[in-house]
Full PDB file with SEQRES, HELIX, SHEET, SSBOND, CRYST1, ORIGX, SCALE, CONECT and MASTER records, all heavy atoms in Angstrom:
SEQRES   1 A   36  SER LEU ARG LEU SER CYS ALA ALA SER GLY SER THR PHE          
SEQRES   2 A   36  SER ILE THR THR MET GLY TRP TYR ARG GLN ALA PRO GLY          
SEQRES   3 A   36  LYS GLN ARG GLU LEU VAL ALA THR ILE THR                      
HELIX    1 AA1 THR A   12  SER A   14  5                                   3    
SHEET    1 AA1 2 MET A  18  ARG A  22  0                                        
SHEET    2 AA1 2 GLU A  30  ILE A  35 -1                                        
CRYST1    1.000    1.000    1.000  90.00  90.00  90.00 P 1           1          
ORIGX1      1.000000  0.000000  0.000000        0.00000                         
ORIGX2      0.000000  1.000000  0.000000        0.00000                         
ORIGX3      0.000000  0.000000  1.000000        0.00000                         
SCALE1      1.000000  0.000000  0.000000        0.00000                         
SCALE2      0.000000  1.000000  0.000000        0.00000                         
SCALE3      0.000000  0.000000  1.000000        0.00000                         
ATOM      1  N   SER A   1      -7.063 -15.744  -8.032  1.00  0.00           N  
ATOM      2  CA  SER A   1      -7.075 -14.886  -6.990  1.00  0.00           C  
ATOM      3  C   SER A   1      -5.794 -14.880  -6.222  1.00  0.00           C  
ATOM      4  O   SER A   1      -5.021 -15.904  -6.199  1.00  0.00           O  
ATOM      5  CB  SER A   1      -8.166 -15.198  -5.954  1.00  0.00           C  
ATOM      6  OG  SER A   1      -9.460 -15.038  -6.476  1.00  0.00           O  
ATOM      7  N   LEU A   2      -5.257 -13.725  -5.619  1.00  0.00           N  
ATOM      8  CA  LEU A   2      -4.294 -13.612  -4.694  1.00  0.00           C  
ATOM      9  C   LEU A   2      -4.543 -12.847  -3.624  1.00  0.00           C  
ATOM     10  O   LEU A   2      -5.450 -11.793  -3.716  1.00  0.00           O  
ATOM     11  CB  LEU A   2      -2.966 -13.071  -5.443  1.00  0.00           C  
ATOM     12  CG  LEU A   2      -2.136 -13.875  -6.416  1.00  0.00           C  
ATOM     13  CD1 LEU A   2      -1.113 -13.010  -7.105  1.00  0.00           C  
ATOM     14  CD2 LEU A   2      -1.517 -15.022  -5.523  1.00  0.00           C  
ATOM     15  N   ARG A   3      -3.886 -12.918  -2.362  1.00  0.00           N  
ATOM     16  CA  ARG A   3      -4.118 -12.003  -1.328  1.00  0.00           C  
ATOM     17  C   ARG A   3      -2.803 -11.504  -0.790  1.00  0.00           C  
ATOM     18  O   ARG A   3      -1.892 -12.252  -0.465  1.00  0.00           O  
ATOM     19  CB  ARG A   3      -4.863 -12.805  -0.149  1.00  0.00           C  
ATOM     20  CG  ARG A   3      -5.158 -11.955   1.128  1.00  0.00           C  
ATOM     21  CD  ARG A   3      -6.053 -12.757   2.068  1.00  0.00           C  
ATOM     22  NE  ARG A   3      -6.582 -11.919   3.130  1.00  0.00           N  
ATOM     23  CZ  ARG A   3      -6.118 -11.917   4.327  1.00  0.00           C  
ATOM     24  NH1 ARG A   3      -5.078 -12.742   4.823  1.00  0.00           N  
ATOM     25  NH2 ARG A   3      -6.647 -11.133   5.395  1.00  0.00           N  
ATOM     26  N   LEU A   4      -2.661 -10.173  -0.839  1.00  0.00           N  
ATOM     27  CA  LEU A   4      -1.432  -9.541  -0.550  1.00  0.00           C  
ATOM     28  C   LEU A   4      -1.561  -9.087   0.964  1.00  0.00           C  
ATOM     29  O   LEU A   4      -2.628  -8.681   1.383  1.00  0.00           O  
ATOM     30  CB  LEU A   4      -1.072  -8.271  -1.283  1.00  0.00           C  
ATOM     31  CG  LEU A   4      -1.013  -8.564  -2.801  1.00  0.00           C  
ATOM     32  CD1 LEU A   4      -0.589  -7.182  -3.492  1.00  0.00           C  
ATOM     33  CD2 LEU A   4      -0.030  -9.577  -3.172  1.00  0.00           C  
ATOM     34  N   SER A   5      -0.468  -9.129   1.691  1.00  0.00           N  
ATOM     35  CA  SER A   5      -0.525  -8.564   3.177  1.00  0.00           C  
ATOM     36  C   SER A   5       0.617  -7.769   3.373  1.00  0.00           C  
ATOM     37  O   SER A   5       1.701  -7.814   2.672  1.00  0.00           O  
ATOM     38  CB  SER A   5      -0.400  -9.830   4.024  1.00  0.00           C  
ATOM     39  OG  SER A   5      -1.622 -10.607   3.984  1.00  0.00           O  
ATOM     40  N   CYS A   6       0.501  -6.755   4.251  1.00  0.00           N  
ATOM     41  CA  CYS A   6       1.601  -5.770   4.598  1.00  0.00           C  
ATOM     42  C   CYS A   6       1.525  -5.617   6.078  1.00  0.00           C  
ATOM     43  O   CYS A   6       0.500  -5.215   6.677  1.00  0.00           O  
ATOM     44  CB  CYS A   6       1.465  -4.497   3.824  1.00  0.00           C  
ATOM     45  SG  CYS A   6       2.608  -3.201   4.263  1.00  0.00           S  
ATOM     46  N   ALA A   7       2.669  -5.835   6.785  1.00  0.00           N  
ATOM     47  CA  ALA A   7       2.838  -5.651   8.182  1.00  0.00           C  
ATOM     48  C   ALA A   7       3.657  -4.467   8.408  1.00  0.00           C  
ATOM     49  O   ALA A   7       4.755  -4.418   7.992  1.00  0.00           O  
ATOM     50  CB  ALA A   7       3.329  -6.931   8.864  1.00  0.00           C  
ATOM     51  N   ALA A   8       3.114  -3.513   9.259  1.00  0.00           N  
ATOM     52  CA  ALA A   8       3.903  -2.347   9.651  1.00  0.00           C  
ATOM     53  C   ALA A   8       4.514  -2.532  10.992  1.00  0.00           C  
ATOM     54  O   ALA A   8       3.809  -3.078  11.905  1.00  0.00           O  
ATOM     55  CB  ALA A   8       3.061  -1.059   9.599  1.00  0.00           C  
ATOM     56  N   SER A   9       5.680  -2.098  11.225  1.00  0.00           N  
ATOM     57  CA  SER A   9       6.305  -2.018  12.557  1.00  0.00           C  
ATOM     58  C   SER A   9       7.044  -0.721  12.682  1.00  0.00           C  
ATOM     59  O   SER A   9       7.406   0.001  11.851  1.00  0.00           O  
ATOM     60  CB  SER A   9       7.236  -3.287  12.673  1.00  0.00           C  
ATOM     61  OG  SER A   9       8.382  -3.169  11.713  1.00  0.00           O  
ATOM     62  N   GLY A  10       7.397  -0.354  13.989  1.00  0.00           N  
ATOM     63  CA  GLY A  10       7.898   0.789  14.407  1.00  0.00           C  
ATOM     64  C   GLY A  10       7.022   1.849  14.989  1.00  0.00           C  
ATOM     65  O   GLY A  10       6.196   1.395  15.903  1.00  0.00           O  
ATOM     66  N   SER A  11       7.091   3.075  14.591  1.00  0.00           N  
ATOM     67  CA  SER A  11       6.263   4.021  15.049  1.00  0.00           C  
ATOM     68  C   SER A  11       4.894   4.045  14.464  1.00  0.00           C  
ATOM     69  O   SER A  11       4.415   5.000  13.812  1.00  0.00           O  
ATOM     70  CB  SER A  11       6.909   5.437  14.905  1.00  0.00           C  
ATOM     71  OG  SER A  11       8.085   5.488  15.473  1.00  0.00           O  
ATOM     72  N   THR A  12       4.141   2.890  14.595  1.00  0.00           N  
ATOM     73  CA  THR A  12       2.968   2.762  13.877  1.00  0.00           C  
ATOM     74  C   THR A  12       1.813   3.516  14.451  1.00  0.00           C  
ATOM     75  O   THR A  12       0.752   3.693  13.871  1.00  0.00           O  
ATOM     76  CB  THR A  12       2.551   1.327  13.966  1.00  0.00           C  
ATOM     77  OG1 THR A  12       2.513   0.787  15.261  1.00  0.00           O  
ATOM     78  CG2 THR A  12       3.580   0.450  13.142  1.00  0.00           C  
ATOM     79  N   PHE A  13       2.041   4.151  15.616  1.00  0.00           N  
ATOM     80  CA  PHE A  13       0.811   4.848  16.376  1.00  0.00           C  
ATOM     81  C   PHE A  13       0.624   6.132  15.553  1.00  0.00           C  
ATOM     82  O   PHE A  13      -0.569   6.680  15.606  1.00  0.00           O  
ATOM     83  CB  PHE A  13       1.204   5.214  17.776  1.00  0.00           C  
ATOM     84  CG  PHE A  13       2.598   6.029  17.971  1.00  0.00           C  
ATOM     85  CD1 PHE A  13       2.538   7.332  17.734  1.00  0.00           C  
ATOM     86  CD2 PHE A  13       3.716   5.430  18.043  1.00  0.00           C  
ATOM     87  CE1 PHE A  13       3.694   8.043  17.812  1.00  0.00           C  
ATOM     88  CE2 PHE A  13       4.962   6.122  18.125  1.00  0.00           C  
ATOM     89  CZ  PHE A  13       4.854   7.526  18.086  1.00  0.00           C  
ATOM     90  N   SER A  14       1.450   6.612  14.647  1.00  0.00           N  
ATOM     91  CA  SER A  14       1.306   7.737  13.941  1.00  0.00           C  
ATOM     92  C   SER A  14       0.602   7.607  12.634  1.00  0.00           C  
ATOM     93  O   SER A  14       0.269   8.537  11.849  1.00  0.00           O  
ATOM     94  CB  SER A  14       2.632   8.401  13.737  1.00  0.00           C  
ATOM     95  OG  SER A  14       3.499   7.611  12.865  1.00  0.00           O  
ATOM     96  N   ILE A  15       0.364   6.307  12.164  1.00  0.00           N  
ATOM     97  CA  ILE A  15      -0.171   6.116  10.846  1.00  0.00           C  
ATOM     98  C   ILE A  15      -1.601   6.426  10.851  1.00  0.00           C  
ATOM     99  O   ILE A  15      -2.503   6.099  11.656  1.00  0.00           O  
ATOM    100  CB  ILE A  15       0.084   4.616  10.596  1.00  0.00           C  
ATOM    101  CG1 ILE A  15       1.511   4.168  10.407  1.00  0.00           C  
ATOM    102  CG2 ILE A  15      -0.716   4.217   9.239  1.00  0.00           C  
ATOM    103  CD1 ILE A  15       1.811   2.753  10.308  1.00  0.00           C  
ATOM    104  N   THR A  16      -2.088   7.108   9.694  1.00  0.00           N  
ATOM    105  CA  THR A  16      -3.400   7.453   9.454  1.00  0.00           C  
ATOM    106  C   THR A  16      -4.055   6.677   8.396  1.00  0.00           C  
ATOM    107  O   THR A  16      -5.299   6.462   8.324  1.00  0.00           O  
ATOM    108  CB  THR A  16      -3.636   8.991   9.276  1.00  0.00           C  
ATOM    109  OG1 THR A  16      -2.803   9.340   8.107  1.00  0.00           O  
ATOM    110  CG2 THR A  16      -3.198   9.807  10.487  1.00  0.00           C  
ATOM    111  N   THR A  17      -3.271   6.318   7.280  1.00  0.00           N  
ATOM    112  CA  THR A  17      -3.710   5.609   6.204  1.00  0.00           C  
ATOM    113  C   THR A  17      -2.838   4.600   5.729  1.00  0.00           C  
ATOM    114  O   THR A  17      -1.549   4.772   5.750  1.00  0.00           O  
ATOM    115  CB  THR A  17      -4.116   6.659   4.994  1.00  0.00           C  
ATOM    116  OG1 THR A  17      -4.899   7.774   5.516  1.00  0.00           O  
ATOM    117  CG2 THR A  17      -4.654   6.035   3.807  1.00  0.00           C  
ATOM    118  N   MET A  18      -3.352   3.479   5.229  1.00  0.00           N  
ATOM    119  CA  MET A  18      -2.471   2.454   4.593  1.00  0.00           C  
ATOM    120  C   MET A  18      -3.103   2.103   3.269  1.00  0.00           C  
ATOM    121  O   MET A  18      -4.327   2.281   3.161  1.00  0.00           O  
ATOM    122  CB  MET A  18      -2.452   1.173   5.490  1.00  0.00           C  
ATOM    123  CG  MET A  18      -1.809   1.453   6.984  1.00  0.00           C  
ATOM    124  SD  MET A  18      -1.646  -0.142   7.781  1.00  0.00           S  
ATOM    125  CE  MET A  18      -0.223  -0.744   7.007  1.00  0.00           C  
ATOM    126  N   GLY A  19      -2.195   1.656   2.406  1.00  0.00           N  
ATOM    127  CA  GLY A  19      -2.827   1.333   1.077  1.00  0.00           C  
ATOM    128  C   GLY A  19      -1.787   0.661   0.178  1.00  0.00           C  
ATOM    129  O   GLY A  19      -0.669   0.231   0.583  1.00  0.00           O  
ATOM    130  N   TRP A  20      -2.336   0.346  -1.041  1.00  0.00           N  
ATOM    131  CA  TRP A  20      -1.457  -0.411  -2.074  1.00  0.00           C  
ATOM    132  C   TRP A  20      -1.382   0.469  -3.339  1.00  0.00           C  
ATOM    133  O   TRP A  20      -2.380   1.084  -3.843  1.00  0.00           O  
ATOM    134  CB  TRP A  20      -2.101  -1.635  -2.359  1.00  0.00           C  
ATOM    135  CG  TRP A  20      -2.128  -2.744  -1.260  1.00  0.00           C  
ATOM    136  CD1 TRP A  20      -2.931  -2.895  -0.153  1.00  0.00           C  
ATOM    137  CD2 TRP A  20      -0.976  -3.514  -1.021  1.00  0.00           C  
ATOM    138  NE1 TRP A  20      -2.485  -3.870   0.682  1.00  0.00           N  
ATOM    139  CE2 TRP A  20      -1.305  -4.229   0.254  1.00  0.00           C  
ATOM    140  CE3 TRP A  20       0.204  -3.815  -1.479  1.00  0.00           C  
ATOM    141  CZ2 TRP A  20      -0.411  -5.244   0.821  1.00  0.00           C  
ATOM    142  CZ3 TRP A  20       1.214  -4.738  -0.926  1.00  0.00           C  
ATOM    143  CH2 TRP A  20       0.802  -5.461   0.134  1.00  0.00           C  
ATOM    144  N   TYR A  21      -0.205   0.530  -3.969  1.00  0.00           N  
ATOM    145  CA  TYR A  21       0.056   1.034  -5.225  1.00  0.00           C  
ATOM    146  C   TYR A  21       0.781   0.147  -5.970  1.00  0.00           C  
ATOM    147  O   TYR A  21       1.222  -0.976  -5.554  1.00  0.00           O  
ATOM    148  CB  TYR A  21       0.889   2.406  -5.044  1.00  0.00           C  
ATOM    149  CG  TYR A  21       0.214   3.496  -4.364  1.00  0.00           C  
ATOM    150  CD1 TYR A  21       0.023   3.495  -2.994  1.00  0.00           C  
ATOM    151  CD2 TYR A  21      -0.182   4.657  -5.072  1.00  0.00           C  
ATOM    152  CE1 TYR A  21      -0.603   4.530  -2.252  1.00  0.00           C  
ATOM    153  CE2 TYR A  21      -0.746   5.767  -4.452  1.00  0.00           C  
ATOM    154  CZ  TYR A  21      -1.015   5.594  -3.025  1.00  0.00           C  
ATOM    155  OH  TYR A  21      -1.569   6.664  -2.273  1.00  0.00           O  
ATOM    156  N   ARG A  22       0.701   0.240  -7.461  1.00  0.00           N  
ATOM    157  CA  ARG A  22       1.384  -0.707  -8.252  1.00  0.00           C  
ATOM    158  C   ARG A  22       2.027   0.050  -9.381  1.00  0.00           C  
ATOM    159  O   ARG A  22       1.569   1.140  -9.847  1.00  0.00           O  
ATOM    160  CB  ARG A  22       0.314  -1.674  -8.791  1.00  0.00           C  
ATOM    161  CG  ARG A  22      -0.750  -1.102  -9.681  1.00  0.00           C  
ATOM    162  CD  ARG A  22      -1.756  -2.181 -10.135  1.00  0.00           C  
ATOM    163  NE  ARG A  22      -2.711  -1.742 -11.024  1.00  0.00           N  
ATOM    164  CZ  ARG A  22      -3.741  -2.431 -11.462  1.00  0.00           C  
ATOM    165  NH1 ARG A  22      -4.058  -3.660 -10.981  1.00  0.00           N  
ATOM    166  NH2 ARG A  22      -4.717  -1.872 -12.224  1.00  0.00           N  
ATOM    167  N   GLN A  23       3.030  -0.636  -9.919  1.00  0.00           N  
ATOM    168  CA  GLN A  23       3.797  -0.001 -11.011  1.00  0.00           C  
ATOM    169  C   GLN A  23       4.134  -1.102 -12.022  1.00  0.00           C  
ATOM    170  O   GLN A  23       4.929  -2.021 -11.737  1.00  0.00           O  
ATOM    171  CB  GLN A  23       5.040   0.635 -10.577  1.00  0.00           C  
ATOM    172  CG  GLN A  23       5.796   1.503 -11.612  1.00  0.00           C  
ATOM    173  CD  GLN A  23       6.860   2.392 -11.085  1.00  0.00           C  
ATOM    174  OE1 GLN A  23       7.295   2.227  -9.950  1.00  0.00           O  
ATOM    175  NE2 GLN A  23       7.187   3.428 -11.779  1.00  0.00           N  
ATOM    176  N   ALA A  24       3.638  -0.910 -13.247  1.00  0.00           N  
ATOM    177  CA  ALA A  24       3.914  -1.908 -14.296  1.00  0.00           C  
ATOM    178  C   ALA A  24       5.166  -1.326 -15.083  1.00  0.00           C  
ATOM    179  O   ALA A  24       5.450  -0.200 -14.962  1.00  0.00           O  
ATOM    180  CB  ALA A  24       2.830  -2.048 -15.287  1.00  0.00           C  
ATOM    181  N   PRO A  25       5.986  -2.180 -15.827  1.00  0.00           N  
ATOM    182  CA  PRO A  25       7.167  -1.714 -16.454  1.00  0.00           C  
ATOM    183  C   PRO A  25       6.824  -0.608 -17.546  1.00  0.00           C  
ATOM    184  O   PRO A  25       5.802  -0.742 -18.179  1.00  0.00           O  
ATOM    185  CB  PRO A  25       7.618  -3.015 -17.305  1.00  0.00           C  
ATOM    186  CG  PRO A  25       7.065  -4.134 -16.408  1.00  0.00           C  
ATOM    187  CD  PRO A  25       5.740  -3.697 -15.877  1.00  0.00           C  
ATOM    188  N   GLY A  26       7.580   0.483 -17.500  1.00  0.00           N  
ATOM    189  CA  GLY A  26       7.325   1.549 -18.309  1.00  0.00           C  
ATOM    190  C   GLY A  26       6.288   2.499 -17.990  1.00  0.00           C  
ATOM    191  O   GLY A  26       5.954   3.385 -18.645  1.00  0.00           O  
ATOM    192  N   LYS A  27       5.610   2.250 -16.844  1.00  0.00           N  
ATOM    193  CA  LYS A  27       4.424   3.044 -16.522  1.00  0.00           C  
ATOM    194  C   LYS A  27       4.623   3.756 -15.175  1.00  0.00           C  
ATOM    195  O   LYS A  27       5.441   3.403 -14.397  1.00  0.00           O  
ATOM    196  CB  LYS A  27       3.074   2.248 -16.451  1.00  0.00           C  
ATOM    197  CG  LYS A  27       2.763   1.649 -17.846  1.00  0.00           C  
ATOM    198  CD  LYS A  27       1.395   0.844 -17.750  1.00  0.00           C  
ATOM    199  CE  LYS A  27       0.960   0.484 -19.121  1.00  0.00           C  
ATOM    200  NZ  LYS A  27      -0.400  -0.180 -19.101  1.00  0.00           N  
ATOM    201  N   GLN A  28       3.775   4.750 -14.954  1.00  0.00           N  
ATOM    202  CA  GLN A  28       3.833   5.541 -13.634  1.00  0.00           C  
ATOM    203  C   GLN A  28       3.195   4.646 -12.476  1.00  0.00           C  
ATOM    204  O   GLN A  28       2.361   3.744 -12.793  1.00  0.00           O  
ATOM    205  CB  GLN A  28       3.100   6.804 -13.652  1.00  0.00           C  
ATOM    206  CG  GLN A  28       3.577   7.731 -14.631  1.00  0.00           C  
ATOM    207  CD  GLN A  28       5.038   8.406 -14.148  1.00  0.00           C  
ATOM    208  OE1 GLN A  28       4.983   8.749 -12.995  1.00  0.00           O  
ATOM    209  NE2 GLN A  28       5.916   8.564 -15.064  1.00  0.00           N  
ATOM    210  N   ARG A  29       3.668   4.783 -11.284  1.00  0.00           N  
ATOM    211  CA  ARG A  29       2.997   4.205 -10.202  1.00  0.00           C  
ATOM    212  C   ARG A  29       1.631   4.809  -9.891  1.00  0.00           C  
ATOM    213  O   ARG A  29       1.450   6.020 -10.032  1.00  0.00           O  
ATOM    214  CB  ARG A  29       3.864   4.397  -8.916  1.00  0.00           C  
ATOM    215  CG  ARG A  29       3.452   3.521  -7.701  1.00  0.00           C  
ATOM    216  CD  ARG A  29       4.342   3.719  -6.556  1.00  0.00           C  
ATOM    217  NE  ARG A  29       5.706   3.120  -6.923  1.00  0.00           N  
ATOM    218  CZ  ARG A  29       6.715   3.120  -5.896  1.00  0.00           C  
ATOM    219  NH1 ARG A  29       6.456   3.568  -4.695  1.00  0.00           N  
ATOM    220  NH2 ARG A  29       7.911   2.684  -6.343  1.00  0.00           N  
ATOM    221  N   GLU A  30       0.726   3.825  -9.678  1.00  0.00           N  
ATOM    222  CA  GLU A  30      -0.660   4.340  -9.571  1.00  0.00           C  
ATOM    223  C   GLU A  30      -1.340   3.774  -8.328  1.00  0.00           C  
ATOM    224  O   GLU A  30      -1.015   2.582  -7.780  1.00  0.00           O  
ATOM    225  CB  GLU A  30      -1.501   3.789 -10.694  1.00  0.00           C  
ATOM    226  CG  GLU A  30      -1.643   2.247 -10.929  1.00  0.00           C  
ATOM    227  CD  GLU A  30      -2.531   1.926 -12.150  1.00  0.00           C  
ATOM    228  OE1 GLU A  30      -3.124   2.822 -12.766  1.00  0.00           O  
ATOM    229  OE2 GLU A  30      -2.580   0.695 -12.387  1.00  0.00           O  
ATOM    230  N   LEU A  31      -2.302   4.403  -7.681  1.00  0.00           N  
ATOM    231  CA  LEU A  31      -2.968   4.072  -6.573  1.00  0.00           C  
ATOM    232  C   LEU A  31      -3.875   2.851  -7.017  1.00  0.00           C  
ATOM    233  O   LEU A  31      -4.543   2.758  -8.031  1.00  0.00           O  
ATOM    234  CB  LEU A  31      -3.898   5.168  -6.063  1.00  0.00           C  
ATOM    235  CG  LEU A  31      -4.829   4.906  -4.861  1.00  0.00           C  
ATOM    236  CD1 LEU A  31      -4.928   6.089  -4.044  1.00  0.00           C  
ATOM    237  CD2 LEU A  31      -6.175   4.358  -5.269  1.00  0.00           C  
ATOM    238  N   VAL A  32      -3.926   1.816  -6.121  1.00  0.00           N  
ATOM    239  CA  VAL A  32      -4.857   0.659  -6.269  1.00  0.00           C  
ATOM    240  C   VAL A  32      -5.983   0.792  -5.232  1.00  0.00           C  
ATOM    241  O   VAL A  32      -7.154   0.746  -5.650  1.00  0.00           O  
ATOM    242  CB  VAL A  32      -4.163  -0.713  -6.076  1.00  0.00           C  
ATOM    243  CG1 VAL A  32      -5.099  -1.937  -6.144  1.00  0.00           C  
ATOM    244  CG2 VAL A  32      -2.954  -0.758  -7.076  1.00  0.00           C  
ATOM    245  N   ALA A  33      -5.645   0.937  -3.982  1.00  0.00           N  
ATOM    246  CA  ALA A  33      -6.699   1.102  -2.963  1.00  0.00           C  
ATOM    247  C   ALA A  33      -6.025   1.588  -1.640  1.00  0.00           C  
ATOM    248  O   ALA A  33      -4.880   1.349  -1.434  1.00  0.00           O  
ATOM    249  CB  ALA A  33      -7.323  -0.304  -2.590  1.00  0.00           C  
ATOM    250  N   THR A  34      -6.808   2.318  -0.847  1.00  0.00           N  
ATOM    251  CA  THR A  34      -6.253   2.810   0.399  1.00  0.00           C  
ATOM    252  C   THR A  34      -7.383   2.653   1.417  1.00  0.00           C  
ATOM    253  O   THR A  34      -8.610   2.492   1.011  1.00  0.00           O  
ATOM    254  CB  THR A  34      -5.943   4.315   0.428  1.00  0.00           C  
ATOM    255  OG1 THR A  34      -7.168   5.133  -0.043  1.00  0.00           O  
ATOM    256  CG2 THR A  34      -4.867   4.612  -0.609  1.00  0.00           C  
ATOM    257  N   ILE A  35      -7.080   2.752   2.569  1.00  0.00           N  
ATOM    258  CA  ILE A  35      -7.883   2.544   3.903  1.00  0.00           C  
ATOM    259  C   ILE A  35      -7.523   3.306   4.984  1.00  0.00           C  
ATOM    260  O   ILE A  35      -6.315   3.386   5.291  1.00  0.00           O  
ATOM    261  CB  ILE A  35      -8.198   1.064   4.237  1.00  0.00           C  
ATOM    262  CG1 ILE A  35      -9.276   1.054   5.283  1.00  0.00           C  
ATOM    263  CG2 ILE A  35      -6.864   0.508   4.755  1.00  0.00           C  
ATOM    264  CD1 ILE A  35      -9.769  -0.412   5.547  1.00  0.00           C  
ATOM    265  N   THR A  36      -8.402   4.214   5.501  1.00  0.00           N  
ATOM    266  CA  THR A  36      -7.989   5.111   6.625  1.00  0.00           C  
ATOM    267  C   THR A  36      -8.050   4.272   7.989  1.00  0.00           C  
ATOM    268  O   THR A  36      -8.637   3.088   8.104  1.00  0.00           O  
ATOM    269  CB  THR A  36      -8.929   6.266   6.764  1.00  0.00           C  
ATOM    270  OG1 THR A  36     -10.197   5.917   7.085  1.00  0.00           O  
ATOM    271  CG2 THR A  36      -8.859   7.018   5.404  1.00  0.00           C  
TER     272      THR A  36                                                      
MASTER        0    0    0    1    2    0    0    6  271    1    0    3          
END                                                                             
């Protein structure tokens, strides 16, 4: 297992959704998960 974290700073009051995407070598970036 691994646990990824992402901290946002700046004009964060305007954020409606946060999420994770991933991209493997030679492939398109794809959605992993989002949360509103």
